[in-house]
Amino acid sequence: MNSNVVALAFISVIVSVGAFIGFYAGTRRKMDLEHWIVGDRGFGMLLVWLLMAGEVYTTFTFLGASGWAYGKGAPVLYILGYQPLMYVVSFFILPQVWEVGRKYRLQTQADFFQVRYNNKYLAAFVALVGVVFIIPYLQLQLTGLGMIVEVASYGAIHRTPAMIIGFLIVAAFVLTSGIRGIAWVSVLKDLLLLFSAVFVGIAVPYIYFGGIGPMFAALVRAKPAHLVMPGATTNLGHSWYVSTVLLVAVGFYMWPQFFGASFSAKSSDTLRRNAVVMPFYSITMPLMFFVGLAATLILPGLSNGDLSALAMVRKTFPAWFLGLIGGAGALTAMVPAGVMILTAATLFAKNMCRPILWPGMTDQQVAKLAKTTVLVITVAALYSAIYSSPTLVSLLLTGYGGVGQFFPGVVLGLYSRRVTMPGVFAGIVTGVFVFVALELTKHDPLMGLNAGFIALCFNFAVVGAVSLLKPVEHGGVDEQLQASIEA
């Protein structure tokens, strides 16, 4: 039997099983707005862990991490720097966000800003920024999905039809089952991802070099500059590393989809426990580094470094195993993409359209509009993925530069009564403007610093200055809840 037929059969079976799980999860439940967005706030430790892991470990794990290890070298280590720190941030912030969400029945990140700062225009702007910067992250998943299926099927399916088919499936089970369906698909996705990363990450260095240590020794002899900053780059030095680690660590859980995932938990302790156990999943990242680093010696000269891990698997293992990896990789794109599409559609319908354009909309009408918007956002992300091709890590860092600007409004909103709505509004506008200006003028990094980090510094400065100039305005969070959060 041809290799492409075998590999494609494995990919098809895995994606079909994942799709079935996604559809089945919503068949016995009425999908009103509350169930669709936050799963009726009843997810326990296991389901929250799977949902969060599904959003954290995406196609970036399979392709982007190994791609940067292959093409840029040492700068990829920023991933190992930010991951422990982001879980510390989540331990202190997400349970407090959950407390506010439970009391006021919040469903989105923009709802939090609406309640805390008592201003629908700020909430609508937060929703707009969230939707805009979710698109690059969605594009990352789409691009990764296309690459994985094309390479793993030995070219039997081109990346464009693979992206279209995959995301139509995602849109379908998001419409049917909402966040519960996504969480249950994560069960299969996480099992396959952990197995694939551990097996391939250990097997490849041993097959070609006799071990991980000998692989690094060979790399030091052949390309010594690859393993020290700035690696194969000219401008990603230590300042960029530190500023990027700080930006991503504080900005990671500012992605709008993590607020919805947090609100789905049945208690704040569930989120604290999740922050404690999630770092164990990080073992997948250095293992993917090993594959990318091995590829620099085994497969030099690849035109696209993001394909290095798949190229190594294709060279090393039989067709059925490549199909298994391809199916696992496809699910790692589909699961987080589902959460992002659901989140972006809800932000648009609930926090932009209802308060600003149609204040009289019922929850049922919001749900209908959000489900219609699912298709629009899917098409927009598909178009972006088909007609542009930046590296996967570049797409991810673009998203962080944008959503990271929410951090001052969230953390100061939780822990300070002194911060004001005008201050937060002005800070987000300033941060987004500075970041976009630096990106468009190709000044990232600037003076060695990550552009998103520079924008975040401007953001904090503006929030502080404007808040000090304006009198304190009590938001919608009552004094008792605020005091318990600050305690």
Protein backbone atom coordinates (compact mmCIF):
# COMPACT_ATOMS: atom_id res chain seq x y z
CA MET A 1 0.00 0.00 0.00
CA ASN A 2 1.30 3.47 -0.87
CA SER A 3 2.79 5.48 1.98
CA ASN A 4 0.52 8.45 1.34
CA VAL A 5 -2.59 6.24 1.53
CA VAL A 6 -1.49 4.73 4.85
CA ALA A 7 -0.60 8.10 6.38
CA LEU A 8 -3.77 9.75 5.11
CA ALA A 9 -5.88 6.91 6.51
CA PHE A 10 -4.41 7.42 10.01
CA ILE A 11 -4.92 11.19 9.81
CA SER A 12 -8.51 10.76 8.65
CA VAL A 13 -9.39 8.29 11.40
CA ILE A 14 -7.94 10.47 14.16
CA VAL A 15 -9.62 13.65 12.90
CA SER A 16 -12.92 11.77 12.46
CA VAL A 17 -12.80 10.41 16.02
CA GLY A 18 -12.02 13.89 17.33
CA ALA A 19 -14.91 15.39 15.34
CA PHE A 20 -17.29 12.69 16.62
CA ILE A 21 -16.32 13.44 20.22
CA GLY A 22 -16.85 17.15 19.60
CA PHE A 23 -20.33 16.64 18.16
CA TYR A 24 -21.38 14.03 20.73
CA ALA A 25 -20.43 16.21 23.71
CA GLY A 26 -23.27 18.61 22.96
CA THR A 27 -25.99 16.20 21.89
CA ARG A 28 -27.58 15.74 25.32
CA ARG A 29 -27.46 19.36 26.46
CA LYS A 30 -29.43 22.42 25.56
CA MET A 31 -26.89 24.86 24.12
CA ASP A 32 -28.11 28.19 25.47
CA LEU A 33 -25.61 31.06 25.74
CA GLU A 34 -24.43 30.03 29.22
CA HIS A 35 -23.79 26.40 28.25
CA TRP A 36 -22.28 27.32 24.89
CA ILE A 37 -19.72 29.80 26.24
CA VAL A 38 -18.81 28.66 29.77
CA GLY A 39 -20.20 25.10 30.05
CA ASP A 40 -22.65 26.14 32.79
CA ARG A 41 -19.62 26.78 35.08
CA GLY A 42 -19.41 23.13 36.09
CA PHE A 43 -16.02 21.91 34.84
CA GLY A 44 -13.92 20.05 37.41
CA MET A 45 -10.16 19.76 37.73
CA LEU A 46 -9.66 17.23 34.91
CA LEU A 47 -11.83 18.98 32.34
CA VAL A 48 -10.36 22.42 33.13
CA TRP A 49 -6.85 20.96 32.85
CA LEU A 50 -7.64 19.42 29.50
CA LEU A 51 -9.31 22.58 28.23
CA MET A 52 -6.46 24.84 29.37
CA ALA A 53 -3.82 22.43 28.02
CA GLY A 54 -5.72 22.34 24.74
CA GLU A 55 -5.36 26.11 24.49
CA VAL A 56 -1.76 26.36 25.71
CA TYR A 57 -0.17 23.52 23.70
CA THR A 58 -1.16 24.01 20.08
CA THR A 59 0.42 23.62 16.64
CA PHE A 60 3.04 25.99 18.00
CA THR A 61 4.29 23.03 20.08
CA PHE A 62 4.56 20.76 17.04
CA LEU A 63 5.91 23.25 14.51
CA GLY A 64 6.79 26.70 15.86
CA ALA A 65 9.03 25.62 18.74
CA SER A 66 11.02 23.14 16.66
CA GLY A 67 11.04 25.62 13.75
CA TRP A 68 12.71 28.32 15.81
CA ALA A 69 15.15 25.81 17.31
CA TYR A 70 16.06 24.86 13.74
CA GLY A 71 16.19 28.34 12.19
CA LYS A 72 17.16 30.67 15.04
CA GLY A 73 18.74 28.54 17.75
CA ALA A 74 19.22 29.99 21.24
CA PRO A 75 16.43 32.65 21.08
CA VAL A 76 13.88 29.81 21.18
CA LEU A 77 14.79 29.33 24.84
CA TYR A 78 12.52 32.26 25.68
CA ILE A 79 9.76 29.61 25.74
CA LEU A 80 11.39 27.84 28.68
CA GLY A 81 11.74 31.20 30.42
CA TYR A 82 8.14 32.34 30.26
CA GLN A 83 6.30 29.07 30.88
CA PRO A 84 6.99 28.70 34.64
CA LEU A 85 6.28 32.41 35.17
CA MET A 86 2.96 32.43 33.33
CA TYR A 87 1.60 29.72 35.65
CA VAL A 88 2.61 31.80 38.67
CA VAL A 89 0.67 34.72 37.18
CA SER A 90 -2.35 32.49 36.55
CA PHE A 91 -2.27 31.17 40.14
CA PHE A 92 -2.84 34.66 41.52
CA ILE A 93 -5.03 36.20 38.83
CA LEU A 94 -7.40 33.58 37.39
CA PRO A 95 -9.03 32.56 40.72
CA GLN A 96 -9.80 36.23 41.41
CA VAL A 97 -11.20 36.66 37.90
CA TRP A 98 -13.34 33.57 38.56
CA GLU A 99 -14.71 35.11 41.79
CA VAL A 100 -15.85 38.19 39.89
CA GLY A 101 -17.21 36.02 37.09
CA ARG A 102 -19.23 33.82 39.46
CA LYS A 103 -20.80 36.74 41.33
CA TYR A 104 -21.73 38.73 38.23
CA ARG A 105 -22.32 35.80 35.83
CA LEU A 106 -19.62 37.00 33.44
CA GLN A 107 -19.01 35.10 30.21
CA THR A 108 -16.24 37.02 28.42
CA GLN A 109 -13.14 39.04 29.16
CA ALA A 110 -14.92 42.21 28.03
CA ASP A 111 -17.66 41.47 30.60
CA PHE A 112 -14.97 41.76 33.28
CA PHE A 113 -13.94 45.21 32.06
CA GLN A 114 -17.61 46.24 31.82
CA VAL A 115 -18.30 45.25 35.44
CA ARG A 116 -15.04 46.51 36.93
CA TYR A 117 -14.94 49.89 35.17
CA ASN A 118 -18.65 50.36 34.50
CA ASN A 119 -18.22 51.53 30.91
CA LYS A 120 -19.66 49.77 27.86
CA TYR A 121 -17.36 51.59 25.43
CA LEU A 122 -14.25 50.36 27.23
CA ALA A 123 -15.70 46.83 27.17
CA ALA A 124 -16.47 47.14 23.46
CA PHE A 125 -12.94 48.37 22.72
CA VAL A 126 -11.45 45.48 24.71
CA ALA A 127 -13.64 43.10 22.69
CA LEU A 128 -12.50 44.71 19.42
CA VAL A 129 -8.80 44.46 20.32
CA GLY A 130 -9.33 40.87 21.45
CA VAL A 131 -10.97 39.86 18.17
CA VAL A 132 -8.31 41.61 16.06
CA PHE A 133 -5.40 39.91 17.82
CA ILE A 134 -7.08 36.51 17.99
CA ILE A 135 -6.95 36.43 14.18
CA PRO A 136 -3.10 35.99 14.02
CA TYR A 137 -3.34 33.20 16.59
CA LEU A 138 -6.09 31.57 14.54
CA GLN A 139 -3.93 32.00 11.45
CA LEU A 140 -1.14 30.18 13.29
CA GLN A 141 -3.44 27.20 13.90
CA LEU A 142 -4.69 27.20 10.32
CA THR A 143 -1.23 27.46 8.81
CA GLY A 144 0.05 24.74 11.11
CA LEU A 145 -2.87 22.48 10.26
CA GLY A 146 -2.21 22.88 6.55
CA MET A 147 1.51 22.19 6.92
CA ILE A 148 0.96 19.11 9.08
CA VAL A 149 -1.60 17.45 6.83
CA GLU A 150 0.33 18.25 3.63
CA VAL A 151 3.64 16.83 4.88
CA ALA A 152 2.13 13.93 6.82
CA SER A 153 0.06 12.82 3.82
CA TYR A 154 3.18 12.89 1.59
CA GLY A 155 1.57 15.70 -0.39
CA ALA A 156 -1.66 13.78 -1.09
CA ILE A 157 -3.64 16.71 0.34
CA HIS A 158 -2.44 20.25 -0.30
CA ARG A 159 -2.38 22.61 2.69
CA THR A 160 -5.19 24.86 1.41
CA PRO A 161 -7.90 22.18 1.14
CA ALA A 162 -6.60 20.70 4.41
CA MET A 163 -7.13 24.06 6.13
CA ILE A 164 -10.59 24.47 4.66
CA ILE A 165 -11.76 20.96 5.60
CA GLY A 166 -10.25 21.11 9.09
CA PHE A 167 -11.74 24.44 9.99
CA LEU A 168 -15.17 23.61 8.60
CA ILE A 169 -15.16 20.63 10.98
CA VAL A 170 -14.07 22.91 13.83
CA ALA A 171 -16.77 25.47 13.06
CA ALA A 172 -19.38 22.71 12.93
CA PHE A 173 -18.68 21.21 16.36
CA VAL A 174 -18.22 24.66 17.91
CA LEU A 175 -21.70 25.57 16.68
CA THR A 176 -23.10 22.28 17.95
CA SER A 177 -21.37 21.77 21.30
CA GLY A 178 -19.65 25.00 22.33
CA ILE A 179 -16.88 24.92 24.92
CA ARG A 180 -17.88 21.48 26.26
CA GLY A 181 -17.24 19.86 22.90
CA ILE A 182 -13.84 21.53 22.67
CA ALA A 183 -12.91 20.32 26.16
CA TRP A 184 -13.77 16.71 25.35
CA VAL A 185 -11.86 16.73 22.06
CA SER A 186 -8.89 17.87 24.16
CA VAL A 187 -8.87 14.46 25.85
CA LEU A 188 -7.86 12.73 22.63
CA LYS A 189 -5.65 15.60 21.51
CA ASP A 190 -3.64 15.71 24.75
CA LEU A 191 -3.07 11.97 24.88
CA LEU A 192 -1.75 11.96 21.32
CA LEU A 193 0.34 15.12 21.79
CA LEU A 194 2.05 13.86 24.94
CA PHE A 195 2.81 10.48 23.38
CA SER A 196 4.10 12.04 20.15
CA ALA A 197 6.28 14.66 21.83
CA VAL A 198 7.85 12.27 24.34
CA PHE A 199 8.48 9.48 21.83
CA VAL A 200 9.78 11.60 18.95
CA GLY A 201 11.72 14.02 21.18
CA ILE A 202 13.67 11.18 22.75
CA ALA A 203 13.84 8.78 19.79
CA VAL A 204 15.26 11.17 17.18
CA PRO A 205 18.42 12.16 19.13
CA TYR A 206 19.07 8.51 20.05
CA ILE A 207 18.57 7.21 16.51
CA TYR A 208 20.92 9.72 14.88
CA PHE A 209 23.41 10.61 17.63
CA GLY A 210 23.16 7.94 20.31
CA GLY A 211 21.55 10.25 22.85
CA ILE A 212 20.62 13.82 23.70
CA GLY A 213 24.06 14.66 25.11
CA PRO A 214 25.92 13.43 22.03
CA MET A 215 23.49 15.41 19.84
CA PHE A 216 24.39 18.65 21.64
CA ALA A 217 28.09 17.76 21.44
CA ALA A 218 27.77 17.30 17.67
CA LEU A 219 25.90 20.59 17.36
CA VAL A 220 28.55 22.45 19.36
CA ARG A 221 31.23 21.11 17.04
CA ALA A 222 29.31 21.89 13.84
CA LYS A 223 27.47 25.12 14.73
CA PRO A 224 28.70 26.51 18.08
CA ALA A 225 27.07 29.93 17.59
CA HIS A 226 23.64 28.32 17.21
CA LEU A 227 23.37 27.59 20.93
CA VAL A 228 24.29 31.02 22.33
CA MET A 229 22.46 34.33 22.00
CA PRO A 230 21.59 35.69 19.50
CA GLY A 231 21.86 32.32 17.75
CA ALA A 232 21.35 32.50 13.99
CA THR A 233 19.83 35.99 14.29
CA THR A 234 21.42 39.42 14.54
CA ASN A 235 18.98 41.25 16.84
CA LEU A 236 17.42 38.73 19.24
CA GLY A 237 19.88 39.11 22.07
CA HIS A 238 19.60 39.02 25.85
CA SER A 239 17.52 42.21 26.10
CA TRP A 240 15.02 40.79 23.64
CA TYR A 241 15.00 37.52 25.59
CA VAL A 242 14.26 39.13 28.96
CA SER A 243 11.64 41.55 27.59
CA THR A 244 9.90 38.79 25.63
CA VAL A 245 9.82 36.46 28.63
CA LEU A 246 8.24 39.20 30.76
CA LEU A 247 5.71 40.19 28.09
CA VAL A 248 4.54 36.64 27.42
CA ALA A 249 4.52 35.65 31.11
CA VAL A 250 2.15 38.47 32.08
CA GLY A 251 0.26 38.46 28.79
CA PHE A 252 -0.36 34.75 28.33
CA TYR A 253 -3.58 34.55 30.30
CA MET A 254 -4.76 37.85 28.88
CA TRP A 255 -5.91 35.99 25.78
CA PRO A 256 -9.72 36.39 25.81
CA GLN A 257 -10.30 32.65 25.49
CA PHE A 258 -8.64 31.99 28.85
CA PHE A 259 -11.22 34.13 30.62
CA GLY A 260 -14.02 32.01 29.18
CA ALA A 261 -12.14 28.83 30.14
CA SER A 262 -11.66 30.19 33.68
CA PHE A 263 -15.36 31.00 34.04
CA SER A 264 -16.17 27.38 33.11
CA ALA A 265 -14.48 26.06 36.29
CA LYS A 266 -16.71 25.07 39.19
CA SER A 267 -14.49 26.73 41.81
CA SER A 268 -11.52 29.06 42.19
CA ASP A 269 -9.53 26.23 43.81
CA THR A 270 -9.87 24.28 40.56
CA LEU A 271 -7.91 27.04 38.83
CA ARG A 272 -5.25 27.14 41.57
CA ARG A 273 -4.71 23.39 41.32
CA ASN A 274 -4.58 23.71 37.56
CA ALA A 275 -1.79 26.30 37.85
CA VAL A 276 0.18 23.85 40.00
CA VAL A 277 -0.07 20.83 37.68
CA MET A 278 0.07 22.55 34.27
CA PRO A 279 3.88 23.05 34.31
CA PHE A 280 4.33 19.27 34.05
CA TYR A 281 2.91 19.49 30.54
CA SER A 282 5.79 21.82 29.59
CA ILE A 283 8.02 18.78 29.06
CA THR A 284 6.70 18.74 25.49
CA MET A 285 8.51 21.97 24.57
CA PRO A 286 12.20 21.02 25.13
CA LEU A 287 11.52 17.68 23.47
CA MET A 288 10.38 19.53 20.35
CA PHE A 289 13.53 21.69 20.61
CA PHE A 290 15.59 18.48 20.42
CA VAL A 291 13.88 17.48 17.18
CA GLY A 292 14.47 20.90 15.61
CA LEU A 293 18.10 21.00 16.74
CA ALA A 294 18.72 17.50 15.40
CA ALA A 295 17.25 18.59 12.07
CA THR A 296 19.81 21.40 11.76
CA LEU A 297 22.45 18.70 11.29
CA ILE A 298 20.44 15.95 9.61
CA LEU A 299 18.35 18.11 7.25
CA PRO A 300 20.25 21.38 6.68
CA GLY A 301 18.89 23.91 4.22
CA LEU A 302 15.13 23.44 4.68
CA SER A 303 13.29 26.34 3.06
CA ASN A 304 10.80 26.47 5.94
CA GLY A 305 12.13 25.76 9.42
CA ASP A 306 8.60 25.27 10.77
CA LEU A 307 8.55 21.97 8.87
CA SER A 308 11.70 20.61 10.52
CA ALA A 309 9.95 18.35 13.06
CA LEU A 310 7.62 16.83 10.48
CA ALA A 311 10.48 16.40 8.02
CA MET A 312 12.47 14.52 10.66
CA VAL A 313 9.52 12.25 11.48
CA ARG A 314 8.94 11.63 7.76
CA LYS A 315 12.61 10.73 7.25
CA THR A 316 12.90 8.55 10.35
CA PHE A 317 9.67 6.63 10.88
CA PRO A 318 7.25 4.54 8.78
CA ALA A 319 4.19 5.99 7.05
CA TRP A 320 1.68 4.83 9.66
CA PHE A 321 3.59 6.63 12.41
CA LEU A 322 3.80 9.80 10.35
CA GLY A 323 0.03 9.55 9.91
CA LEU A 324 -0.37 9.22 13.68
CA ILE A 325 1.75 12.32 14.23
CA GLY A 326 -0.17 14.11 11.49
CA GLY A 327 -3.51 13.30 13.11
CA ALA A 328 -2.26 14.42 16.52
CA GLY A 329 -0.93 17.63 14.98
CA ALA A 330 -4.23 18.30 13.23
CA LEU A 331 -6.09 18.06 16.55
CA THR A 332 -3.59 20.40 18.20
CA ALA A 333 -4.68 22.98 15.63
CA MET A 334 -8.39 22.25 15.77
CA VAL A 335 -8.90 22.33 19.55
CA PRO A 336 -7.44 25.78 20.31
CA ALA A 337 -8.90 27.13 17.09
CA GLY A 338 -12.34 26.09 18.27
CA VAL A 339 -11.96 28.03 21.53
CA MET A 340 -10.65 31.10 19.71
CA ILE A 341 -13.46 31.11 17.16
CA LEU A 342 -16.09 30.71 19.91
CA THR A 343 -14.50 33.48 21.98
CA ALA A 344 -14.11 35.95 19.12
CA ALA A 345 -17.69 35.37 17.95
CA THR A 346 -19.05 35.90 21.46
CA LEU A 347 -17.02 39.06 22.00
CA PHE A 348 -18.35 40.50 18.75
CA ALA A 349 -21.99 39.63 19.39
CA LYS A 350 -22.25 40.24 23.13
CA ASN A 351 -19.78 43.01 23.87
CA MET A 352 -19.70 44.99 20.63
CA CYS A 353 -23.05 44.60 18.90
CA ARG A 354 -25.48 44.34 21.83
CA PRO A 355 -24.34 47.28 23.99
CA ILE A 356 -23.41 49.63 21.15
CA LEU A 357 -25.72 48.80 18.24
CA TRP A 358 -28.71 46.80 19.53
CA PRO A 359 -29.13 47.24 23.32
CA GLY A 360 -32.42 45.35 23.30
CA MET A 361 -30.95 42.02 22.15
CA THR A 362 -31.90 38.99 24.22
CA ASP A 363 -29.42 36.24 25.13
CA GLN A 364 -31.03 34.03 22.51
CA GLN A 365 -30.47 36.67 19.81
CA VAL A 366 -26.88 37.14 20.99
CA ALA A 367 -26.32 33.38 20.70
CA LYS A 368 -27.72 33.35 17.14
CA LEU A 369 -25.54 36.29 16.09
CA ALA A 370 -22.46 34.71 17.71
CA LYS A 371 -23.04 31.44 15.86
CA THR A 372 -23.37 33.32 12.58
CA THR A 373 -20.16 35.19 13.39
CA VAL A 374 -18.35 31.86 13.88
CA LEU A 375 -18.51 31.32 10.13
CA VAL A 376 -17.39 34.88 9.34
CA ILE A 377 -14.34 34.66 11.61
CA THR A 378 -13.45 31.23 10.24
CA VAL A 379 -13.49 32.58 6.67
CA ALA A 380 -11.40 35.65 7.68
CA ALA A 381 -8.77 33.47 9.32
CA LEU A 382 -8.73 31.12 6.32
CA TYR A 383 -8.18 34.02 3.94
CA SER A 384 -5.36 35.38 6.10
CA ALA A 385 -3.68 31.96 6.34
CA ILE A 386 -3.91 31.27 2.60
CA TYR A 387 -2.57 34.63 1.39
CA SER A 388 0.17 35.43 3.94
CA SER A 389 3.00 33.29 5.30
CA PRO A 390 4.97 34.69 8.27
CA THR A 391 6.64 32.22 10.64
CA LEU A 392 4.46 30.64 13.31
CA VAL A 393 6.41 32.21 16.17
CA SER A 394 6.09 35.66 14.57
CA LEU A 395 2.32 35.22 14.42
CA LEU A 396 2.22 34.20 18.06
CA LEU A 397 4.36 37.11 19.26
CA THR A 398 2.19 39.54 17.27
CA GLY A 399 -0.83 38.30 19.19
CA TYR A 400 0.94 38.61 22.54
CA GLY A 401 1.96 42.18 21.77
CA GLY A 402 -1.72 43.05 21.39
CA VAL A 403 -3.49 41.09 24.13
CA GLY A 404 -0.69 41.81 26.61
CA GLN A 405 -2.02 45.37 26.74
CA PHE A 406 -4.98 44.11 28.81
CA PHE A 407 -2.71 43.17 31.73
CA PRO A 408 -2.65 46.56 33.53
CA GLY A 409 -6.44 46.85 33.37
CA VAL A 410 -6.91 43.33 34.74
CA VAL A 411 -4.28 43.21 37.48
CA LEU A 412 -4.82 46.77 38.70
CA GLY A 413 -8.57 46.29 38.43
CA LEU A 414 -8.33 43.27 40.73
CA TYR A 415 -5.88 44.60 43.28
CA SER A 416 -6.27 48.40 43.32
CA ARG A 417 -9.21 50.69 43.98
CA ARG A 418 -7.21 53.68 42.75
CA VAL A 419 -7.08 52.77 39.06
CA THR A 420 -9.74 54.53 36.97
CA MET A 421 -11.66 53.77 33.80
CA PRO A 422 -10.14 56.71 31.83
CA GLY A 423 -6.67 55.55 32.88
CA VAL A 424 -7.22 51.97 31.73
CA PHE A 425 -8.91 53.08 28.50
CA ALA A 426 -6.08 55.48 27.68
CA GLY A 427 -3.48 52.88 28.60
CA ILE A 428 -4.87 50.20 26.29
CA VAL A 429 -5.22 52.67 23.41
CA THR A 430 -1.65 53.86 23.94
CA GLY A 431 -0.22 50.36 24.23
CA VAL A 432 -1.98 49.06 21.13
CA PHE A 433 -1.00 52.19 19.14
CA VAL A 434 2.67 51.95 20.12
CA PHE A 435 2.81 48.23 19.38
CA VAL A 436 1.10 48.49 15.99
CA ALA A 437 3.27 51.49 15.03
CA LEU A 438 6.47 49.61 15.88
CA GLU A 439 5.29 46.52 13.99
CA LEU A 440 4.26 48.44 10.87
CA THR A 441 7.53 50.39 10.77
CA LYS A 442 9.49 47.14 11.33
CA HIS A 443 11.01 48.29 14.63
CA ASP A 444 10.52 45.02 16.47
CA PRO A 445 12.78 44.65 18.34
CA LEU A 446 13.60 48.30 19.15
CA MET A 447 16.91 48.94 20.94
CA GLY A 448 17.03 45.22 21.53
CA LEU A 449 13.64 45.13 23.32
CA ASN A 450 10.46 43.34 22.29
CA ALA A 451 8.01 45.86 20.76
CA GLY A 452 5.10 44.47 22.79
CA PHE A 453 7.06 44.94 26.02
CA ILE A 454 7.84 48.56 25.12
CA ALA A 455 4.15 49.12 24.39
CA LEU A 456 3.22 47.55 27.75
CA CYS A 457 5.59 49.93 29.58
CA PHE A 458 3.92 52.91 27.88
CA ASN A 459 0.56 51.39 28.79
CA PHE A 460 1.41 51.14 32.52
CA ALA A 461 2.79 54.69 32.53
CA VAL A 462 -0.36 56.13 30.96
CA VAL A 463 -2.68 54.15 33.26
CA GLY A 464 -0.79 55.45 36.30
CA ALA A 465 -0.61 59.07 35.13
CA VAL A 466 -4.24 59.37 34.05
CA SER A 467 -5.54 57.54 37.13
CA LEU A 468 -3.65 59.92 39.42
CA LEU A 469 -5.10 62.94 37.60
CA LYS A 470 -8.69 61.70 37.77
CA PRO A 471 -10.76 61.15 40.92
CA VAL A 472 -11.44 57.55 41.90
CA GLU A 473 -14.56 56.13 40.28
CA HIS A 474 -16.03 53.05 41.91
CA GLY A 475 -16.82 50.42 39.29
CA GLY A 476 -19.42 47.70 39.33
CA VAL A 477 -17.43 45.36 41.62
CA ASP A 478 -18.86 45.86 45.10
CA GLU A 479 -16.70 46.81 48.06
CA GLN A 480 -17.04 43.44 49.83
CA LEU A 481 -15.88 41.46 46.81
CA GLN A 482 -13.07 43.94 46.09
CA ALA A 483 -11.85 43.65 49.69
CA SER A 484 -11.87 39.84 49.52
CA ILE A 485 -9.88 39.91 46.28
CA GLU A 486 -7.30 42.33 47.65
CA ALA A 487 -6.98 40.23 50.81
